[in-house]
C-alpha atoms as a PDB file:
ATOM      1  CA  UNK A   1      35.113 -25.134   4.119  1.00  0.00           C
ATOM      2  CA  UNK A   2      34.514 -22.084   6.174  1.00  0.00           C
ATOM      3  CA  UNK A   3      35.191 -18.769   4.395  1.00  0.00           C
ATOM      4  CA  UNK A   4      36.871 -16.354   6.913  1.00  0.00           C
ATOM      5  CA  UNK A   5      36.624 -13.355   4.741  1.00  0.00           C
ATOM      6  CA  UNK A   6      34.333 -10.519   6.121  1.00  0.00           C
ATOM      7  CA  UNK A   7      30.901 -10.474   4.458  1.00  0.00           C
ATOM      8  CA  UNK A   8      29.769  -7.450   2.496  1.00  0.00           C
ATOM      9  CA  UNK A   9      26.209  -7.657   1.547  1.00  0.00           C
ATOM     10  CA  UNK A  10      25.608  -5.514  -1.550  1.00  0.00           C
ATOM     11  CA  UNK A  11      22.144  -4.160  -2.514  1.00  0.00           C
ATOM     12  CA  UNK A  12      21.309  -3.068  -5.993  1.00  0.00           C
ATOM     13  CA  UNK A  13      18.684  -2.758  -8.462  1.00  0.00           C
ATOM     14  CA  UNK A  14      17.921  -5.447 -11.148  1.00  0.00           C
ATOM     15  CA  UNK A  15      18.482  -3.157 -13.921  1.00  0.00           C
ATOM     16  CA  UNK A  16      21.270  -2.902 -16.742  1.00  0.00           C
ATOM     17  CA  UNK A  17      23.268   0.075 -15.283  1.00  0.00           C
ATOM     18  CA  UNK A  18      23.574  -1.408 -11.682  1.00  0.00           C
ATOM     19  CA  UNK A  19      24.390  -4.857 -13.280  1.00  0.00           C
ATOM     20  CA  UNK A  20      26.888  -3.270 -15.417  1.00  0.00           C
ATOM     21  CA  UNK A  21      28.598  -1.434 -12.403  1.00  0.00           C
ATOM     22  CA  UNK A  22      28.734  -4.518 -10.150  1.00  0.00           C
ATOM     23  CA  UNK A  23      29.648  -6.878 -12.842  1.00  0.00           C
ATOM     24  CA  UNK A  24      33.291  -7.377 -11.782  1.00  0.00           C
ATOM     25  CA  UNK A  25      32.387  -7.959  -8.123  1.00  0.00           C
ATOM     26  CA  UNK A  26      29.475 -10.352  -9.066  1.00  0.00           C
ATOM     27  CA  UNK A  27      31.623 -12.324 -11.580  1.00  0.00           C
ATOM     28  CA  UNK A  28      34.740 -12.232  -9.356  1.00  0.00           C
ATOM     29  CA  UNK A  29      36.721 -10.435 -12.031  1.00  0.00           C
ATOM     30  CA  UNK A  30      38.624  -8.425  -9.626  1.00  0.00           C
ATOM     31  CA  UNK A  31      40.519  -9.570  -6.355  1.00  0.00           C
ATOM     32  CA  UNK A  32      38.675  -8.663  -3.125  1.00  0.00           C
ATOM     33  CA  UNK A  33      41.144  -9.844  -0.641  1.00  0.00           C
ATOM     34  CA  UNK A  34      39.822 -10.279   2.728  1.00  0.00           C
ATOM     35  CA  UNK A  35      36.302  -9.555   1.726  1.00  0.00           C
ATOM     36  CA  UNK A  36      33.543 -11.561   0.203  1.00  0.00           C
ATOM     37  CA  UNK A  37      30.498 -10.033  -1.476  1.00  0.00           C
ATOM     38  CA  UNK A  38      26.951 -11.324  -1.595  1.00  0.00           C
ATOM     39  CA  UNK A  39      24.592  -9.476  -4.059  1.00  0.00           C
ATOM     40  CA  UNK A  40      20.982  -8.918  -3.147  1.00  0.00           C
ATOM     41  CA  UNK A  41      18.763  -7.554  -5.883  1.00  0.00           C
ATOM     42  CA  UNK A  42      15.709  -5.456  -5.234  1.00  0.00           C
ATOM     43  CA  UNK A  43      14.005  -2.426  -6.788  1.00  0.00           C
ATOM     44  CA  UNK A  44      15.417   0.940  -5.521  1.00  0.00           C
ATOM     45  CA  UNK A  45      12.390   1.758  -3.305  1.00  0.00           C
ATOM     46  CA  UNK A  46      12.853  -1.558  -1.611  1.00  0.00           C
ATOM     47  CA  UNK A  47      16.364  -0.959  -1.009  1.00  0.00           C
ATOM     48  CA  UNK A  48      15.520   2.458   0.310  1.00  0.00           C
ATOM     49  CA  UNK A  49      13.230   0.966   2.821  1.00  0.00           C
ATOM     50  CA  UNK A  50      15.633  -1.858   3.806  1.00  0.00           C
ATOM     51  CA  UNK A  51      18.365   0.756   4.361  1.00  0.00           C
ATOM     52  CA  UNK A  52      16.522   1.951   7.550  1.00  0.00           C
ATOM     53  CA  UNK A  53      17.576  -1.263   9.363  1.00  0.00           C
ATOM     54  CA  UNK A  54      21.096  -1.077   8.104  1.00  0.00           C
ATOM     55  CA  UNK A  55      21.186  -4.709   7.194  1.00  0.00           C
ATOM     56  CA  UNK A  56      23.292  -4.207   4.071  1.00  0.00           C
ATOM     57  CA  UNK A  57      26.721  -3.053   4.380  1.00  0.00           C
ATOM     58  CA  UNK A  58      26.870  -1.456   0.916  1.00  0.00           C
ATOM     59  CA  UNK A  59      23.636  -0.487  -0.780  1.00  0.00           C
ATOM     60  CA  UNK A  60      22.345   1.541  -3.635  1.00  0.00           C
ATOM     61  CA  UNK A  61      19.773   4.214  -2.484  1.00  0.00           C
ATOM     62  CA  UNK A  62      18.109   7.192  -3.648  1.00  0.00           C
ATOM     63  CA  UNK A  63      19.543  10.578  -2.738  1.00  0.00           C
ATOM     64  CA  UNK A  64      16.094  11.436  -1.309  1.00  0.00           C
ATOM     65  CA  UNK A  65      16.181   8.507   0.888  1.00  0.00           C
ATOM     66  CA  UNK A  66      19.694   9.287   2.020  1.00  0.00           C
ATOM     67  CA  UNK A  67      18.226  12.412   3.783  1.00  0.00           C
ATOM     68  CA  UNK A  68      16.606  10.055   6.248  1.00  0.00           C
ATOM     69  CA  UNK A  69      19.513   7.794   6.539  1.00  0.00           C
ATOM     70  CA  UNK A  70      22.525   9.979   7.303  1.00  0.00           C
ATOM     71  CA  UNK A  71      23.279   8.828  10.747  1.00  0.00           C
ATOM     72  CA  UNK A  72      23.445   5.330   9.467  1.00  0.00           C
ATOM     73  CA  UNK A  73      25.253   5.458   6.144  1.00  0.00           C
ATOM     74  CA  UNK A  74      27.522   7.923   4.190  1.00  0.00           C
ATOM     75  CA  UNK A  75      27.708   8.313   0.558  1.00  0.00           C
ATOM     76  CA  UNK A  76      30.486   6.572  -1.723  1.00  0.00           C
ATOM     77  CA  UNK A  77      32.126   9.129  -4.224  1.00  0.00           C
ATOM     78  CA  UNK A  78      31.715   6.668  -6.948  1.00  0.00           C
ATOM     79  CA  UNK A  79      28.612   4.693  -8.045  1.00  0.00           C
ATOM     80  CA  UNK A  80      26.336   7.632  -8.661  1.00  0.00           C
ATOM     81  CA  UNK A  81      23.457   7.722 -11.182  1.00  0.00           C
ATOM     82  CA  UNK A  82      23.498  11.222 -12.458  1.00  0.00           C
ATOM     83  CA  UNK A  83      21.100  12.761 -15.091  1.00  0.00           C
ATOM     84  CA  UNK A  84      22.894  15.291 -16.856  1.00  0.00           C
ATOM     85  CA  UNK A  85      19.843  17.383 -18.454  1.00  0.00           C
ATOM     86  CA  UNK A  86      17.846  14.151 -18.366  1.00  0.00           C
ATOM     87  CA  UNK A  87      16.095  12.021 -15.828  1.00  0.00           C
ATOM     88  CA  UNK A  88      12.850  10.319 -14.701  1.00  0.00           C
ATOM     89  CA  UNK A  89      10.096  11.167 -16.925  1.00  0.00           C
ATOM     90  CA  UNK A  90       6.287  12.028 -16.385  1.00  0.00           C
ATOM     91  CA  UNK A  91       4.413  10.264 -19.170  1.00  0.00           C
ATOM     92  CA  UNK A  92       0.626   9.997 -19.862  1.00  0.00           C
ATOM     93  CA  UNK A  93      -1.659   8.619 -22.505  1.00  0.00           C
ATOM     94  CA  UNK A  94      -2.274  11.959 -24.153  1.00  0.00           C
ATOM     95  CA  UNK A  95      -0.789  15.386 -24.085  1.00  0.00           C
ATOM     96  CA  UNK A  96      -1.699  17.321 -20.826  1.00  0.00           C
ATOM     97  CA  UNK A  97      -0.318  20.126 -18.775  1.00  0.00           C
ATOM     98  CA  UNK A  98       1.560  19.335 -15.609  1.00  0.00           C
ATOM     99  CA  UNK A  99      -1.124  21.337 -13.768  1.00  0.00           C
ATOM    100  CA  UNK A 100      -3.790  19.005 -15.160  1.00  0.00           C
ATOM    101  CA  UNK A 101      -1.831  16.024 -14.079  1.00  0.00           C
ATOM    102  CA  UNK A 102      -1.145  17.411 -10.671  1.00  0.00           C
ATOM    103  CA  UNK A 103      -4.941  17.263 -10.181  1.00  0.00           C
ATOM    104  CA  UNK A 104      -5.212  13.484 -11.137  1.00  0.00           C
ATOM    105  CA  UNK A 105      -3.453  10.361  -9.831  1.00  0.00           C
ATOM    106  CA  UNK A 106       0.141   9.488 -10.738  1.00  0.00           C
ATOM    107  CA  UNK A 107       1.801   6.174 -10.591  1.00  0.00           C
ATOM    108  CA  UNK A 108       5.297   6.601  -8.693  1.00  0.00           C
ATOM    109  CA  UNK A 109       8.049   4.019  -8.293  1.00  0.00           C
ATOM    110  CA  UNK A 110       8.249   5.021  -4.492  1.00  0.00           C
ATOM    111  CA  UNK A 111       8.141   8.001  -2.355  1.00  0.00           C
ATOM    112  CA  UNK A 112      11.596   7.735  -1.203  1.00  0.00           C
ATOM    113  CA  UNK A 113      12.849   7.998  -4.723  1.00  0.00           C
ATOM    114  CA  UNK A 114      14.714  11.149  -6.047  1.00  0.00           C
ATOM    115  CA  UNK A 115      12.211  10.923  -9.009  1.00  0.00           C
ATOM    116  CA  UNK A 116       9.297  11.391  -6.692  1.00  0.00           C
ATOM    117  CA  UNK A 117      11.167  14.291  -4.809  1.00  0.00           C
ATOM    118  CA  UNK A 118      11.893  16.166  -7.891  1.00  0.00           C
ATOM    119  CA  UNK A 119       8.289  15.723  -9.400  1.00  0.00           C
ATOM    120  CA  UNK A 120       6.905  17.062  -6.063  1.00  0.00           C
ATOM    121  CA  UNK A 121       9.110  20.085  -6.234  1.00  0.00           C
ATOM    122  CA  UNK A 122       8.278  20.638  -9.906  1.00  0.00           C
ATOM    123  CA  UNK A 123       4.404  20.349  -9.493  1.00  0.00           C
ATOM    124  CA  UNK A 124       4.597  22.437  -6.340  1.00  0.00           C
ATOM    125  CA  UNK A 125       1.647  20.334  -4.694  1.00  0.00           C
ATOM    126  CA  UNK A 126       1.354  17.061  -2.851  1.00  0.00           C
ATOM    127  CA  UNK A 127      -0.255  15.269  -5.693  1.00  0.00           C
ATOM    128  CA  UNK A 128      -2.237  11.976  -5.181  1.00  0.00           C
ATOM    129  CA  UNK A 129       0.047   9.124  -6.039  1.00  0.00           C
ATOM    130  CA  UNK A 130      -0.038   5.368  -6.044  1.00  0.00           C
ATOM    131  CA  UNK A 131       3.071   3.434  -5.606  1.00  0.00           C
ATOM    132  CA  UNK A 132       3.749   0.839  -8.405  1.00  0.00           C
ATOM    133  CA  UNK A 133       6.732  -1.437  -9.074  1.00  0.00           C
ATOM    134  CA  UNK A 134       9.103   0.586 -11.452  1.00  0.00           C
ATOM    135  CA  UNK A 135       8.777  -2.136 -14.120  1.00  0.00           C
ATOM    136  CA  UNK A 136       5.115  -2.048 -14.434  1.00  0.00           C
ATOM    137  CA  UNK A 137       4.544   1.664 -14.570  1.00  0.00           C
ATOM    138  CA  UNK A 138       4.322   1.946 -18.330  1.00  0.00           C
ATOM    139  CA  UNK A 139       1.738  -0.923 -18.487  1.00  0.00           C
ATOM    140  CA  UNK A 140      -0.274   0.788 -15.764  1.00  0.00           C
ATOM    141  CA  UNK A 141      -0.345   4.207 -17.444  1.00  0.00           C
ATOM    142  CA  UNK A 142      -1.274   2.400 -20.910  1.00  0.00           C
ATOM    143  CA  UNK A 143      -4.056   0.566 -19.088  1.00  0.00           C
ATOM    144  CA  UNK A 144      -5.293   3.719 -17.237  1.00  0.00           C
ATOM    145  CA  UNK A 145      -5.767   1.759 -14.059  1.00  0.00           C
ATOM    146  CA  UNK A 146      -3.931  -0.101 -11.252  1.00  0.00           C
ATOM    147  CA  UNK A 147      -5.775  -2.467  -8.992  1.00  0.00           C
ATOM    148  CA  UNK A 148      -8.966  -0.644  -9.839  1.00  0.00           C
ATOM    149  CA  UNK A 149      -7.366   2.741  -9.014  1.00  0.00           C
ATOM    150  CA  UNK A 150      -7.742   5.136 -12.214  1.00  0.00           C
ATOM    151  CA  UNK A 151      -4.141   6.286 -13.030  1.00  0.00           C
ATOM    152  CA  UNK A 152      -3.635   9.491 -15.163  1.00  0.00           C
ATOM    153  CA  UNK A 153      -0.008   9.490 -15.660  1.00  0.00           C
ATOM    154  CA  UNK A 154       3.208   7.620 -14.483  1.00  0.00           C
ATOM    155  CA  UNK A 155       6.722   8.648 -13.237  1.00  0.00           C
ATOM    156  CA  UNK A 156       9.125   6.503 -15.221  1.00  0.00           C
ATOM    157  CA  UNK A 157      12.591   5.669 -13.932  1.00  0.00           C
ATOM    158  CA  UNK A 158      15.218   3.244 -15.299  1.00  0.00           C
ATOM    159  CA  UNK A 159      15.009   1.879 -19.063  1.00  0.00           C
ATOM    160  CA  UNK A 160      11.327   3.004 -19.430  1.00  0.00           C
ATOM    161  CA  UNK A 161      12.886   6.425 -20.213  1.00  0.00           C
ATOM    162  CA  UNK A 162      14.010   4.765 -23.579  1.00  0.00           C
ATOM    163  CA  UNK A 163      10.744   2.733 -24.230  1.00  0.00           C
ATOM    164  CA  UNK A 164       7.651   4.764 -23.075  1.00  0.00           C
ATOM    165  CA  UNK A 165       6.923   5.732 -26.815  1.00  0.00           C
ATOM    166  CA  UNK A 166       6.597   1.999 -27.860  1.00  0.00           C
ATOM    167  CA  UNK A 167       3.179   1.962 -25.833  1.00  0.00           C
ATOM    168  CA  UNK A 168       2.139   5.185 -27.442  1.00  0.00           C
ATOM    169  CA  UNK A 169       2.557   7.343 -24.394  1.00  0.00           C
ATOM    170  CA  UNK A 170       3.417  11.004 -24.424  1.00  0.00           C
ATOM    171  CA  UNK A 171       6.316  12.718 -22.516  1.00  0.00           C
ATOM    172  CA  UNK A 172       4.766  15.550 -20.196  1.00  0.00           C
ATOM    173  CA  UNK A 173       7.962  16.323 -18.278  1.00  0.00           C
ATOM    174  CA  UNK A 174      11.688  15.333 -18.204  1.00  0.00           C
ATOM    175  CA  UNK A 175      12.617  15.998 -14.506  1.00  0.00           C
ATOM    176  CA  UNK A 176      16.312  16.218 -15.277  1.00  0.00           C
ATOM    177  CA  UNK A 177      15.851  18.865 -17.771  1.00  0.00           C
ATOM    178  CA  UNK A 178      13.565  20.758 -15.368  1.00  0.00           C
ATOM    179  CA  UNK A 179      16.152  20.458 -12.653  1.00  0.00           C
ATOM    180  CA  UNK A 180      18.812  21.738 -14.930  1.00  0.00           C
ATOM    181  CA  UNK A 181      16.877  24.810 -16.048  1.00  0.00           C
ATOM    182  CA  UNK A 182      16.230  25.519 -12.256  1.00  0.00           C
ATOM    183  CA  UNK A 183      19.777  25.061 -11.100  1.00  0.00           C
ATOM    184  CA  UNK A 184      22.304  24.530 -13.972  1.00  0.00           C
ATOM    185  CA  UNK A 185      23.384  21.297 -12.218  1.00  0.00           C
ATOM    186  CA  UNK A 186      22.958  17.656 -13.107  1.00  0.00           C
ATOM    187  CA  UNK A 187      20.276  15.594 -11.182  1.00  0.00           C
ATOM    188  CA  UNK A 188      21.888  13.192  -8.617  1.00  0.00           C
ATOM    189  CA  UNK A 189      19.420  10.481  -8.649  1.00  0.00           C
ATOM    190  CA  UNK A 190      20.991   7.584  -6.902  1.00  0.00           C
ATOM    191  CA  UNK A 191      24.301   6.771  -5.071  1.00  0.00           C
ATOM    192  CA  UNK A 192      25.928   3.980  -3.247  1.00  0.00           C
ATOM    193  CA  UNK A 193      25.910   4.252   0.382  1.00  0.00           C
ATOM    194  CA  UNK A 194      28.158   2.391   2.858  1.00  0.00           C
ATOM    195  CA  UNK A 195      27.510   1.753   6.473  1.00  0.00           C
ATOM    196  CA  UNK A 196      29.271   4.098   8.913  1.00  0.00           C
ATOM    197  CA  UNK A 197      29.841   1.526  11.606  1.00  0.00           C
ATOM    198  CA  UNK A 198      32.123  -0.528   9.466  1.00  0.00           C
ATOM    199  CA  UNK A 199      35.136   1.507  10.450  1.00  0.00           C
ATOM    200  CA  UNK A 200      37.536   3.599   8.360  1.00  0.00           C
ATOM    201  CA  UNK A 201      39.537   0.782   7.005  1.00  0.00           C
ATOM    202  CA  UNK A 202      36.795  -1.427   5.850  1.00  0.00           C
ATOM    203  CA  UNK A 203      35.006   1.651   4.327  1.00  0.00           C
ATOM    204  CA  UNK A 204      38.041   2.602   2.588  1.00  0.00           C
ATOM    205  CA  UNK A 205      38.745  -0.942   1.183  1.00  0.00           C
ATOM    206  CA  UNK A 206      35.074  -1.616   0.125  1.00  0.00           C
ATOM    207  CA  UNK A 207      34.979   2.003  -1.660  1.00  0.00           C
ATOM    208  CA  UNK A 208      37.946   1.048  -3.601  1.00  0.00           C
ATOM    209  CA  UNK A 209      36.801  -2.309  -4.759  1.00  0.00           C
ATOM    210  CA  UNK A 210      33.430  -0.758  -5.840  1.00  0.00           C
ATOM    211  CA  UNK A 211      35.449   1.889  -7.719  1.00  0.00           C
ATOM    212  CA  UNK A 212      37.556  -1.081  -9.328  1.00  0.00           C
ATOM    213  CA  UNK A 213      34.315  -2.820 -10.283  1.00  0.00           C
ATOM    214  CA  UNK A 214      33.100   0.217 -12.238  1.00  0.00           C
ATOM    215  CA  UNK A 215      36.352   0.717 -13.761  1.00  0.00           C
ATOM    216  CA  UNK A 216      36.392  -2.969 -15.036  1.00  0.00           C
ATOM    217  CA  UNK A 217      33.073  -2.672 -16.574  1.00  0.00           C
ATOM    218  CA  UNK A 218      34.093   0.523 -18.364  1.00  0.00           C
ATOM    219  CA  UNK A 219      37.459  -0.974 -19.511  1.00  0.00           C
ATOM    220  CA  UNK A 220      35.599  -4.318 -20.581  1.00  0.00           C
ATOM    221  CA  UNK A 221      32.495  -2.730 -21.818  1.00  0.00           C
ATOM    222  CA  UNK A 222      31.290  -5.502 -24.216  1.00  0.00           C
ATOM    223  CA  UNK A 223      31.866  -8.180 -21.761  1.00  0.00           C
ATOM    224  CA  UNK A 224      30.073  -6.259 -18.941  1.00  0.00           C
ATOM    225  CA  UNK A 225      27.314  -5.266 -21.319  1.00  0.00           C
ATOM    226  CA  UNK A 226      26.587  -8.766 -22.335  1.00  0.00           C
ATOM    227  CA  UNK A 227      26.103  -9.616 -18.610  1.00  0.00           C
ATOM    228  CA  UNK A 228      23.864  -6.444 -18.158  1.00  0.00           C
ATOM    229  CA  UNK A 229      21.640  -7.515 -20.912  1.00  0.00           C
ATOM    230  CA  UNK A 230      20.117 -10.167 -18.711  1.00  0.00           C
ATOM    231  CA  UNK A 231      18.841  -7.175 -16.515  1.00  0.00           C
ATOM    232  CA  UNK A 232      17.577  -5.132 -19.570  1.00  0.00           C
ATOM    233  CA  UNK A 233      13.744  -5.856 -19.433  1.00  0.00           C
ATOM    234  CA  UNK A 234      13.624  -6.268 -23.229  1.00  0.00           C
ATOM    235  CA  UNK A 235      15.930  -3.665 -24.424  1.00  0.00           C
ATOM    236  CA  UNK A 236      18.111  -4.812 -27.298  1.00  0.00           C
ATOM    237  CA  UNK A 237      21.831  -4.343 -27.070  1.00  0.00           C
ATOM    238  CA  UNK A 238      22.006  -1.011 -28.584  1.00  0.00           C
ATOM    239  CA  UNK A 239      19.410   0.502 -26.500  1.00  0.00           C
ATOM    240  CA  UNK A 240      20.864  -1.131 -23.441  1.00  0.00           C
ATOM    241  CA  UNK A 241      24.294   0.169 -24.197  1.00  0.00           C
ATOM    242  CA  UNK A 242      22.714   3.615 -24.601  1.00  0.00           C
ATOM    243  CA  UNK A 243      20.951   3.446 -21.237  1.00  0.00           C
ATOM    244  CA  UNK A 244      24.119   2.287 -19.573  1.00  0.00           C
ATOM    245  CA  UNK A 245      26.179   5.240 -21.040  1.00  0.00           C
ATOM    246  CA  UNK A 246      23.477   7.539 -19.697  1.00  0.00           C
ATOM    247  CA  UNK A 247      23.939   6.456 -16.061  1.00  0.00           C
ATOM    248  CA  UNK A 248      27.430   4.891 -15.927  1.00  0.00           C
ATOM    249  CA  UNK A 249      30.058   7.317 -17.026  1.00  0.00           C
ATOM    250  CA  UNK A 250      32.470   9.892 -15.470  1.00  0.00           C
ATOM    251  CA  UNK A 251      29.944  10.751 -12.847  1.00  0.00           C
ATOM    252  CA  UNK A 252      29.810   7.338 -11.754  1.00  0.00           C
ATOM    253  CA  UNK A 253      33.623   7.236 -11.394  1.00  0.00           C
ATOM    254  CA  UNK A 254      33.469  10.145  -9.144  1.00  0.00           C
ATOM    255  CA  UNK A 255      30.822  12.905  -8.146  1.00  0.00           C
ATOM    256  CA  UNK A 256      33.248  15.478  -8.355  1.00  0.00           C
ATOM    257  CA  UNK A 257      32.706  18.996  -6.982  1.00  0.00           C
ATOM    258  CA  UNK A 258      29.801  19.653  -9.207  1.00  0.00           C
ATOM    259  CA  UNK A 259      28.144  16.404  -8.429  1.00  0.00           C
ATOM    260  CA  UNK A 260      28.613  17.023  -4.831  1.00  0.00           C
ATOM    261  CA  UNK A 261      27.149  20.476  -5.098  1.00  0.00           C
ATOM    262  CA  UNK A 262      24.173  19.023  -6.927  1.00  0.00           C
ATOM    263  CA  UNK A 263      23.404  16.505  -4.046  1.00  0.00           C
ATOM    264  CA  UNK A 264      23.756  19.487  -1.362  1.00  0.00           C
ATOM    265  CA  UNK A 265      21.347  21.534  -3.452  1.00  0.00           C
ATOM    266  CA  UNK A 266      18.862  18.848  -3.990  1.00  0.00           C
ATOM    267  CA  UNK A 267      18.683  18.187  -0.200  1.00  0.00           C
ATOM    268  CA  UNK A 268      18.560  21.790   0.486  1.00  0.00           C
ATOM    269  CA  UNK A 269      15.716  22.344  -2.022  1.00  0.00           C
ATOM    270  CA  UNK A 270      13.852  19.360  -0.832  1.00  0.00           C
ATOM    271  CA  UNK A 271      13.913  20.745   2.669  1.00  0.00           C
ATOM    272  CA  UNK A 272      12.848  24.283   1.687  1.00  0.00           C
ATOM    273  CA  UNK A 273       9.955  22.777  -0.281  1.00  0.00           C
ATOM    274  CA  UNK A 274       8.849  20.969   2.926  1.00  0.00           C
ATOM    275  CA  UNK A 275       9.350  17.554   1.711  1.00  0.00           C
ATOM    276  CA  UNK A 276      12.611  16.606   3.433  1.00  0.00           C
ATOM    277  CA  UNK A 277      11.893  17.223   7.115  1.00  0.00           C
ATOM    278  CA  UNK A 278      15.585  18.561   7.997  1.00  0.00           C
ATOM    279  CA  UNK A 279      18.376  20.244   6.325  1.00  0.00           C
ATOM    280  CA  UNK A 280      20.962  17.565   5.565  1.00  0.00           C
ATOM    281  CA  UNK A 281      24.749  18.223   4.555  1.00  0.00           C
ATOM    282  CA  UNK A 282      25.814  15.069   2.746  1.00  0.00           C
ATOM    283  CA  UNK A 283      28.678  13.061   4.099  1.00  0.00           C
ATOM    284  CA  UNK A 284      30.939  11.469   1.578  1.00  0.00           C
ATOM    285  CA  UNK A 285      33.714   8.849   2.046  1.00  0.00           C
ATOM    286  CA  UNK A 286      36.914  10.635   2.276  1.00  0.00           C
END
């Protein structure tokens, strides 16, 4: 039987906070009317790269990547991952200064990630980096090598922020804390972006359904958490719940004025640092 509903392909990361956020859509817990959703899971750097071709109607992207995608996508006001005085972490096998590590080789989860952008701004130099899948970075740092390349430190995103100490690694820098000290703002790491050519009605409808999915997860927390545990990469239920609380919260329901200001400030500072090629004013779904 043919399904005449409009297909919306959704890209998001295979991690517990995104799984929690999209649970209601993936599990058909809410009515989607004239739309059907297909979910495609990939790490955030892969989604950033795929967004350049515009193949996904709705996709998670890094705010850093959005600076290169503003002509194709606009930002949803819901679905954000904000680090409020916390964020991606630089870790190493032993305590070292950021100046020392800036002279070494750092494993990063992708050069279009916001984590990479903020670390570049913090270190103030274009350090030598090796792109490593996000879920391998802790192992790579602990081993000190990746594909025969010596590794001095790693930039950890997702649940690795809660588990790095289990591999006897040392925290060198919390980029979210650094950003807050610099700006007084939360760090806007990721967002959901919707393709601009869908038209005003479809954009509005899909945005509304995304918000409903997030609200459903928060209102049915234990149910959504059980689903998200399947994407938790070894976290127990308590730690998965803690991680989800870090990145699915009031900021996720709405950026708000302060969150929008944080996006604008991040893009402006990235441009001023010479990392983002042009000054970008973010465009949000009305």
